[in-house]
N, C-alpha and C. Protein backbone atom coordinates (compact mmCIF):
# COMPACT_ATOMS: atom_id res chain seq x y z
N MET A 1 0.85 -1.19 0.00
CA MET A 1 0.00 0.00 0.00
C MET A 1 0.88 1.24 0.00
N LYS A 2 0.67 2.13 -0.93
CA LYS A 2 1.42 3.38 -1.00
C LYS A 2 0.61 4.46 -0.28
N GLU A 3 1.06 4.80 0.91
CA GLU A 3 0.37 5.81 1.67
C GLU A 3 1.20 7.09 1.71
N SER A 4 0.54 8.17 2.07
CA SER A 4 1.22 9.44 2.19
C SER A 4 1.06 9.96 3.61
N ILE A 5 1.74 11.04 3.90
CA ILE A 5 1.58 11.69 5.20
C ILE A 5 0.11 12.01 5.42
N LEU A 6 -0.55 12.52 4.38
CA LEU A 6 -1.95 12.90 4.51
C LEU A 6 -2.82 11.69 4.86
N ASP A 7 -2.53 10.53 4.30
CA ASP A 7 -3.28 9.32 4.65
C ASP A 7 -3.16 9.01 6.14
N VAL A 8 -1.95 9.10 6.66
CA VAL A 8 -1.72 8.83 8.08
C VAL A 8 -2.45 9.87 8.93
N LEU A 9 -2.33 11.15 8.54
CA LEU A 9 -2.99 12.22 9.29
C LEU A 9 -4.50 12.05 9.30
N LEU A 10 -5.06 11.71 8.16
CA LEU A 10 -6.51 11.52 8.09
C LEU A 10 -6.94 10.34 8.95
N TYR A 11 -6.17 9.28 8.94
CA TYR A 11 -6.50 8.13 9.78
C TYR A 11 -6.47 8.54 11.26
N LEU A 12 -5.43 9.24 11.67
CA LEU A 12 -5.34 9.71 13.05
C LEU A 12 -6.53 10.60 13.39
N PHE A 13 -6.82 11.52 12.51
CA PHE A 13 -7.88 12.49 12.76
C PHE A 13 -9.23 11.79 12.87
N GLU A 14 -9.51 10.86 11.95
CA GLU A 14 -10.81 10.19 11.94
C GLU A 14 -10.96 9.18 13.06
N HIS A 15 -9.87 8.52 13.47
CA HIS A 15 -9.98 7.44 14.45
C HIS A 15 -9.61 7.82 15.87
N TYR A 16 -8.87 8.89 16.04
CA TYR A 16 -8.42 9.22 17.38
C TYR A 16 -8.80 10.63 17.81
N PHE A 17 -8.41 11.63 17.03
CA PHE A 17 -8.52 13.00 17.49
C PHE A 17 -9.96 13.46 17.67
N THR A 18 -10.86 13.06 16.80
CA THR A 18 -12.23 13.53 16.91
C THR A 18 -13.01 12.81 18.00
N GLU A 19 -12.51 11.67 18.47
CA GLU A 19 -13.19 10.93 19.53
C GLU A 19 -13.06 11.67 20.86
N ASP A 20 -11.87 11.77 21.37
CA ASP A 20 -11.62 12.45 22.63
C ASP A 20 -10.16 12.89 22.65
N ALA A 21 -9.95 14.14 22.36
CA ALA A 21 -8.59 14.66 22.23
C ALA A 21 -7.80 14.52 23.53
N ASP A 22 -8.47 14.53 24.69
CA ASP A 22 -7.76 14.41 25.96
C ASP A 22 -7.18 13.02 26.16
N LEU A 23 -7.78 12.01 25.54
CA LEU A 23 -7.28 10.65 25.70
C LEU A 23 -6.07 10.36 24.80
N VAL A 24 -5.86 11.21 23.81
CA VAL A 24 -4.79 10.97 22.83
C VAL A 24 -3.56 11.78 23.22
N ARG A 25 -2.76 11.21 24.09
CA ARG A 25 -1.54 11.88 24.51
C ARG A 25 -0.33 10.96 24.39
N ASP A 26 -0.53 9.67 24.29
CA ASP A 26 0.54 8.70 24.29
C ASP A 26 0.96 8.37 22.86
N ARG A 27 2.08 8.93 22.45
CA ARG A 27 2.57 8.75 21.09
C ARG A 27 2.87 7.29 20.77
N ASP A 28 3.40 6.55 21.74
CA ASP A 28 3.73 5.14 21.51
C ASP A 28 2.50 4.32 21.16
N SER A 29 1.38 4.55 21.88
CA SER A 29 0.17 3.79 21.58
C SER A 29 -0.42 4.20 20.23
N LEU A 30 -0.29 5.48 19.89
CA LEU A 30 -0.74 5.93 18.58
C LEU A 30 0.09 5.27 17.48
N GLN A 31 1.41 5.24 17.66
CA GLN A 31 2.29 4.61 16.66
C GLN A 31 1.97 3.13 16.52
N ALA A 32 1.73 2.46 17.63
CA ALA A 32 1.39 1.04 17.58
C ALA A 32 0.08 0.83 16.81
N GLY A 33 -0.89 1.69 17.07
CA GLY A 33 -2.16 1.59 16.35
C GLY A 33 -2.01 1.83 14.86
N LEU A 34 -1.15 2.78 14.50
CA LEU A 34 -0.91 3.07 13.09
C LEU A 34 -0.17 1.93 12.40
N LEU A 35 0.80 1.36 13.09
CA LEU A 35 1.52 0.20 12.53
C LEU A 35 0.55 -0.96 12.33
N GLN A 36 -0.32 -1.17 13.30
CA GLN A 36 -1.31 -2.25 13.19
C GLN A 36 -2.28 -1.98 12.03
N ALA A 37 -2.55 -0.72 11.75
CA ALA A 37 -3.44 -0.36 10.65
C ALA A 37 -2.75 -0.50 9.29
N GLY A 38 -1.43 -0.74 9.29
CA GLY A 38 -0.72 -1.00 8.04
C GLY A 38 0.12 0.14 7.51
N PHE A 39 0.31 1.21 8.28
CA PHE A 39 1.13 2.32 7.83
C PHE A 39 2.60 2.03 8.09
N SER A 40 3.47 2.55 7.24
CA SER A 40 4.91 2.32 7.38
C SER A 40 5.49 3.22 8.48
N PRO A 41 6.52 2.75 9.15
CA PRO A 41 7.16 3.59 10.19
C PRO A 41 7.64 4.94 9.65
N ALA A 42 8.13 4.96 8.42
CA ALA A 42 8.61 6.22 7.84
C ALA A 42 7.48 7.23 7.69
N GLU A 43 6.33 6.79 7.18
CA GLU A 43 5.21 7.71 7.00
C GLU A 43 4.62 8.13 8.34
N ILE A 44 4.62 7.23 9.31
CA ILE A 44 4.14 7.57 10.65
C ILE A 44 5.03 8.65 11.25
N SER A 45 6.33 8.49 11.11
CA SER A 45 7.28 9.47 11.63
C SER A 45 7.08 10.84 10.97
N LYS A 46 6.90 10.84 9.65
CA LYS A 46 6.67 12.10 8.93
C LYS A 46 5.38 12.75 9.38
N ALA A 47 4.34 11.96 9.62
CA ALA A 47 3.05 12.50 10.07
C ALA A 47 3.19 13.14 11.46
N PHE A 48 3.93 12.48 12.36
CA PHE A 48 4.14 13.06 13.68
C PHE A 48 4.97 14.33 13.60
N ASP A 49 5.95 14.38 12.71
CA ASP A 49 6.72 15.61 12.51
C ASP A 49 5.82 16.73 12.02
N TRP A 50 4.88 16.40 11.11
CA TRP A 50 3.92 17.37 10.57
C TRP A 50 3.06 17.91 11.71
N LEU A 51 2.58 17.03 12.57
CA LEU A 51 1.74 17.45 13.70
C LEU A 51 2.54 18.27 14.71
N ASP A 52 3.80 17.90 14.94
CA ASP A 52 4.65 18.67 15.85
C ASP A 52 4.85 20.09 15.33
N ALA A 53 5.08 20.22 14.04
CA ALA A 53 5.25 21.55 13.45
C ALA A 53 3.96 22.36 13.55
N LEU A 54 2.82 21.71 13.40
CA LEU A 54 1.54 22.40 13.56
C LEU A 54 1.39 22.90 14.99
N ALA A 55 1.69 22.05 15.96
CA ALA A 55 1.56 22.43 17.37
C ALA A 55 2.51 23.57 17.74
N GLU A 56 3.70 23.58 17.17
CA GLU A 56 4.67 24.64 17.45
C GLU A 56 4.20 25.99 16.93
N GLN A 57 3.34 25.99 15.94
CA GLN A 57 2.90 27.24 15.33
C GLN A 57 1.57 27.73 15.89
N ARG A 58 1.08 27.09 16.95
CA ARG A 58 -0.18 27.52 17.56
C ARG A 58 0.02 28.92 18.13
N PRO A 59 -0.89 29.84 17.83
CA PRO A 59 -0.74 31.20 18.34
C PRO A 59 -0.95 31.25 19.85
N ALA A 60 -0.33 32.22 20.47
CA ALA A 60 -0.51 32.40 21.91
C ALA A 60 -1.95 32.82 22.18
N ALA A 61 -2.50 32.34 23.27
CA ALA A 61 -3.88 32.68 23.62
C ALA A 61 -4.01 34.18 23.83
N GLY A 62 -5.07 34.75 23.32
CA GLY A 62 -5.33 36.17 23.49
C GLY A 62 -4.57 37.07 22.54
N ARG A 63 -3.75 36.49 21.69
CA ARG A 63 -2.99 37.27 20.73
C ARG A 63 -3.93 37.80 19.66
N PRO A 64 -3.92 39.09 19.38
CA PRO A 64 -4.80 39.60 18.33
C PRO A 64 -4.41 39.04 16.97
N ARG A 65 -5.40 38.77 16.18
CA ARG A 65 -5.17 38.22 14.85
C ARG A 65 -5.04 39.37 13.86
N ALA A 66 -4.06 39.23 13.01
CA ALA A 66 -3.80 40.30 12.04
C ALA A 66 -4.57 40.07 10.75
N ASP A 67 -5.21 41.12 10.28
CA ASP A 67 -5.83 41.06 8.96
C ASP A 67 -4.88 41.79 8.03
N GLY A 68 -4.41 41.08 7.05
CA GLY A 68 -3.39 41.65 6.19
C GLY A 68 -3.88 41.83 4.77
N PRO A 69 -2.95 42.13 3.91
CA PRO A 69 -3.26 42.31 2.50
C PRO A 69 -3.60 40.98 1.84
N THR A 70 -4.01 41.04 0.60
CA THR A 70 -4.33 39.85 -0.17
C THR A 70 -3.06 39.02 -0.37
N ARG A 71 -3.20 37.74 -0.23
CA ARG A 71 -2.07 36.81 -0.36
C ARG A 71 -1.73 36.61 -1.83
N VAL A 72 -0.47 36.73 -2.16
CA VAL A 72 0.01 36.46 -3.51
C VAL A 72 0.81 35.15 -3.45
N TYR A 73 0.42 34.20 -4.27
CA TYR A 73 1.07 32.90 -4.29
C TYR A 73 2.19 32.91 -5.32
N PHE A 74 3.22 32.08 -5.08
CA PHE A 74 4.33 32.04 -6.02
C PHE A 74 4.91 30.63 -6.10
N GLY A 75 5.67 30.37 -7.15
CA GLY A 75 6.45 29.17 -7.36
C GLY A 75 5.81 27.87 -6.92
N PRO A 76 6.40 27.24 -5.91
CA PRO A 76 5.91 25.93 -5.47
C PRO A 76 4.45 25.95 -4.99
N GLU A 77 4.03 27.08 -4.43
CA GLU A 77 2.63 27.19 -4.00
C GLU A 77 1.68 27.09 -5.19
N LEU A 78 2.05 27.75 -6.28
CA LEU A 78 1.23 27.69 -7.49
C LEU A 78 1.23 26.28 -8.08
N ASP A 79 2.36 25.59 -7.96
CA ASP A 79 2.45 24.23 -8.48
C ASP A 79 1.60 23.26 -7.66
N LYS A 80 1.58 23.44 -6.35
CA LYS A 80 0.89 22.50 -5.47
C LYS A 80 -0.59 22.80 -5.32
N LEU A 81 -0.97 24.08 -5.33
CA LEU A 81 -2.35 24.49 -5.09
C LEU A 81 -2.95 25.08 -6.37
N ASP A 82 -3.93 24.42 -6.92
CA ASP A 82 -4.56 24.93 -8.15
C ASP A 82 -5.46 26.13 -7.84
N VAL A 83 -6.06 26.68 -8.87
CA VAL A 83 -6.91 27.86 -8.74
C VAL A 83 -8.07 27.59 -7.78
N GLU A 84 -8.65 26.41 -7.85
CA GLU A 84 -9.77 26.07 -6.99
C GLU A 84 -9.35 26.10 -5.51
N CYS A 85 -8.19 25.58 -5.20
CA CYS A 85 -7.69 25.58 -3.83
C CYS A 85 -7.40 27.00 -3.34
N ARG A 86 -6.73 27.77 -4.17
CA ARG A 86 -6.41 29.15 -3.78
C ARG A 86 -7.68 29.98 -3.62
N GLY A 87 -8.64 29.75 -4.50
CA GLY A 87 -9.92 30.45 -4.39
C GLY A 87 -10.67 30.06 -3.12
N PHE A 88 -10.59 28.79 -2.74
CA PHE A 88 -11.24 28.33 -1.51
C PHE A 88 -10.62 29.00 -0.29
N LEU A 89 -9.30 29.12 -0.25
CA LEU A 89 -8.64 29.81 0.86
C LEU A 89 -9.07 31.27 0.94
N LEU A 90 -9.16 31.93 -0.20
CA LEU A 90 -9.62 33.31 -0.23
C LEU A 90 -11.06 33.41 0.28
N PHE A 91 -11.92 32.49 -0.16
CA PHE A 91 -13.30 32.44 0.29
C PHE A 91 -13.37 32.31 1.81
N LEU A 92 -12.58 31.39 2.37
CA LEU A 92 -12.60 31.18 3.81
C LEU A 92 -12.13 32.42 4.56
N GLU A 93 -11.14 33.07 4.03
CA GLU A 93 -10.63 34.27 4.68
C GLU A 93 -11.62 35.43 4.57
N GLN A 94 -12.22 35.61 3.42
CA GLN A 94 -13.17 36.70 3.23
C GLN A 94 -14.42 36.53 4.08
N HIS A 95 -14.75 35.28 4.42
CA HIS A 95 -15.96 35.02 5.20
C HIS A 95 -15.67 34.76 6.67
N GLY A 96 -14.45 35.04 7.10
CA GLY A 96 -14.12 34.98 8.51
C GLY A 96 -13.91 33.60 9.09
N VAL A 97 -13.81 32.59 8.24
CA VAL A 97 -13.54 31.24 8.72
C VAL A 97 -12.06 31.12 9.09
N LEU A 98 -11.20 31.69 8.28
CA LEU A 98 -9.77 31.76 8.55
C LEU A 98 -9.34 33.22 8.63
N ASP A 99 -8.40 33.51 9.51
CA ASP A 99 -7.78 34.83 9.47
C ASP A 99 -6.46 34.70 8.71
N GLY A 100 -5.75 35.79 8.55
CA GLY A 100 -4.50 35.76 7.79
C GLY A 100 -3.46 34.82 8.38
N ASP A 101 -3.34 34.80 9.71
CA ASP A 101 -2.37 33.91 10.35
C ASP A 101 -2.74 32.45 10.13
N GLN A 102 -4.02 32.14 10.25
CA GLN A 102 -4.46 30.77 10.04
C GLN A 102 -4.28 30.34 8.59
N ARG A 103 -4.53 31.26 7.66
CA ARG A 103 -4.31 30.96 6.24
C ARG A 103 -2.86 30.59 6.00
N GLU A 104 -1.95 31.36 6.59
CA GLU A 104 -0.53 31.07 6.43
C GLU A 104 -0.16 29.73 7.06
N LEU A 105 -0.78 29.40 8.17
CA LEU A 105 -0.53 28.11 8.80
C LEU A 105 -1.05 26.98 7.92
N VAL A 106 -2.23 27.17 7.33
CA VAL A 106 -2.78 26.17 6.40
C VAL A 106 -1.81 25.99 5.23
N LEU A 107 -1.34 27.09 4.67
CA LEU A 107 -0.40 27.01 3.55
C LEU A 107 0.89 26.31 3.95
N ASP A 108 1.41 26.63 5.11
CA ASP A 108 2.63 25.99 5.58
C ASP A 108 2.44 24.49 5.71
N ARG A 109 1.34 24.08 6.30
CA ARG A 109 1.08 22.64 6.50
C ARG A 109 0.74 21.95 5.18
N ALA A 110 0.09 22.63 4.27
CA ALA A 110 -0.19 22.05 2.95
C ALA A 110 1.11 21.84 2.18
N MET A 111 2.00 22.81 2.25
CA MET A 111 3.27 22.71 1.53
C MET A 111 4.17 21.64 2.15
N ALA A 112 3.97 21.32 3.43
CA ALA A 112 4.79 20.33 4.11
C ALA A 112 4.37 18.89 3.78
N LEU A 113 3.23 18.72 3.11
CA LEU A 113 2.80 17.38 2.73
C LEU A 113 3.65 16.87 1.58
N ASP A 114 3.84 15.56 1.52
CA ASP A 114 4.69 14.96 0.50
C ASP A 114 3.94 14.65 -0.79
N GLN A 115 3.15 15.59 -1.24
CA GLN A 115 2.38 15.43 -2.47
C GLN A 115 2.75 16.56 -3.42
N ASP A 116 2.84 16.25 -4.71
CA ASP A 116 3.16 17.28 -5.69
C ASP A 116 2.01 18.27 -5.85
N GLU A 117 0.79 17.77 -5.79
CA GLU A 117 -0.40 18.60 -5.93
C GLU A 117 -1.41 18.20 -4.87
N LEU A 118 -2.20 19.19 -4.42
CA LEU A 118 -3.30 18.92 -3.51
C LEU A 118 -4.60 19.23 -4.23
N ASP A 119 -5.59 18.36 -4.07
CA ASP A 119 -6.89 18.72 -4.60
C ASP A 119 -7.69 19.42 -3.50
N LEU A 120 -8.85 19.91 -3.84
CA LEU A 120 -9.64 20.68 -2.90
C LEU A 120 -10.02 19.86 -1.66
N ASP A 121 -10.35 18.60 -1.84
CA ASP A 121 -10.69 17.77 -0.67
C ASP A 121 -9.51 17.63 0.28
N ASP A 122 -8.31 17.43 -0.26
CA ASP A 122 -7.11 17.34 0.59
C ASP A 122 -6.90 18.65 1.36
N LEU A 123 -7.05 19.76 0.67
CA LEU A 123 -6.87 21.06 1.31
C LEU A 123 -7.91 21.27 2.41
N LYS A 124 -9.13 20.84 2.17
CA LYS A 124 -10.17 20.99 3.20
C LYS A 124 -9.79 20.22 4.46
N TRP A 125 -9.19 19.04 4.30
CA TRP A 125 -8.74 18.28 5.47
C TRP A 125 -7.64 19.02 6.21
N VAL A 126 -6.72 19.64 5.47
CA VAL A 126 -5.66 20.41 6.12
C VAL A 126 -6.28 21.57 6.90
N VAL A 127 -7.23 22.28 6.30
CA VAL A 127 -7.91 23.38 6.98
C VAL A 127 -8.57 22.87 8.26
N LEU A 128 -9.27 21.75 8.16
CA LEU A 128 -9.96 21.20 9.32
C LEU A 128 -8.98 20.85 10.44
N MET A 129 -7.84 20.24 10.10
CA MET A 129 -6.86 19.88 11.11
C MET A 129 -6.23 21.13 11.75
N VAL A 130 -5.99 22.16 10.95
CA VAL A 130 -5.43 23.40 11.50
C VAL A 130 -6.44 24.04 12.45
N LEU A 131 -7.70 24.14 12.03
CA LEU A 131 -8.71 24.75 12.89
C LEU A 131 -8.91 23.95 14.17
N PHE A 132 -8.83 22.64 14.09
CA PHE A 132 -8.96 21.78 15.26
C PHE A 132 -7.88 22.10 16.29
N ASN A 133 -6.73 22.52 15.81
CA ASN A 133 -5.57 22.78 16.66
C ASN A 133 -5.50 24.22 17.15
N GLN A 134 -6.41 25.08 16.72
CA GLN A 134 -6.34 26.50 17.04
C GLN A 134 -7.30 26.85 18.18
N PRO A 135 -6.79 27.36 19.29
CA PRO A 135 -7.70 27.79 20.36
C PRO A 135 -8.58 28.93 19.87
N GLY A 136 -9.84 28.89 20.26
CA GLY A 136 -10.77 29.95 19.87
C GLY A 136 -11.37 29.78 18.49
N SER A 137 -11.08 28.68 17.82
CA SER A 137 -11.58 28.46 16.46
C SER A 137 -12.68 27.40 16.41
N GLU A 138 -13.36 27.20 17.53
CA GLU A 138 -14.36 26.14 17.59
C GLU A 138 -15.49 26.35 16.60
N ALA A 139 -15.97 27.59 16.48
CA ALA A 139 -17.08 27.87 15.55
C ALA A 139 -16.64 27.66 14.10
N ALA A 140 -15.44 28.11 13.77
CA ALA A 140 -14.93 27.92 12.41
C ALA A 140 -14.72 26.44 12.13
N TYR A 141 -14.22 25.70 13.12
CA TYR A 141 -14.03 24.26 12.96
C TYR A 141 -15.38 23.58 12.73
N ALA A 142 -16.38 23.94 13.53
CA ALA A 142 -17.71 23.32 13.39
C ALA A 142 -18.30 23.62 12.02
N TRP A 143 -18.14 24.85 11.53
CA TRP A 143 -18.66 25.19 10.20
C TRP A 143 -17.94 24.38 9.14
N MET A 144 -16.63 24.31 9.25
CA MET A 144 -15.84 23.58 8.25
C MET A 144 -16.20 22.10 8.27
N GLU A 145 -16.38 21.53 9.45
CA GLU A 145 -16.75 20.13 9.57
C GLU A 145 -18.11 19.88 8.91
N THR A 146 -19.04 20.81 9.10
CA THR A 146 -20.35 20.70 8.45
C THR A 146 -20.22 20.71 6.94
N GLN A 147 -19.35 21.56 6.44
CA GLN A 147 -19.15 21.66 5.00
C GLN A 147 -18.60 20.38 4.41
N MET A 148 -17.78 19.71 5.17
CA MET A 148 -17.13 18.50 4.66
C MET A 148 -18.03 17.28 4.70
N PHE A 149 -18.91 17.21 5.69
CA PHE A 149 -19.68 15.99 5.89
C PHE A 149 -21.16 16.11 5.53
N ALA A 150 -21.61 17.31 5.21
CA ALA A 150 -23.01 17.49 4.82
C ALA A 150 -23.19 17.09 3.37
N ASP A 151 -24.38 16.59 3.04
CA ASP A 151 -24.67 16.24 1.65
C ASP A 151 -24.67 17.49 0.78
N GLU A 152 -25.27 18.55 1.28
CA GLU A 152 -25.26 19.84 0.60
C GLU A 152 -24.70 20.88 1.55
N PRO A 153 -23.49 21.37 1.29
CA PRO A 153 -22.88 22.35 2.19
C PRO A 153 -23.73 23.62 2.28
N GLU A 154 -23.75 24.21 3.48
CA GLU A 154 -24.48 25.44 3.69
C GLU A 154 -23.60 26.62 3.29
N PRO A 155 -24.21 27.68 2.76
CA PRO A 155 -23.41 28.86 2.41
C PRO A 155 -22.99 29.62 3.66
N VAL A 156 -21.89 30.33 3.57
CA VAL A 156 -21.45 31.21 4.65
C VAL A 156 -22.26 32.49 4.55
N HIS A 157 -22.74 32.97 5.68
CA HIS A 157 -23.53 34.21 5.66
C HIS A 157 -22.69 35.38 6.04
């Protein structure tokens, strides 16, 4: 089975993190579960590195969020994220689901995946994982989760 970092992350997210985040603290038991599920040690290690980098970039509580200028994409970002993905990020930012700092964190984590290109569904998972990790983003996370799992996504008002 050829898996990617994103496959491991999605498995973790679907089977562990959404159940009870307080129970998921033991990395060894998580690694054992992932090995039992058939993931390679190399991909598991890369996924944990990805999660560690996400945790390190968590903003300090109470820190004001900066609204900045429009994001201009370049080089590798253009190669990895198609127009639909970039448009979706702009949509999320314009509708208050993501702020500028969160958008940059999503971009950083998307670029850290071992895939040449991301489709919109992959990017949505990255957004969901970033929002899950951000204090004070519960409403944005809930909206994003609804968009991903609803038969017909609701529009942002």
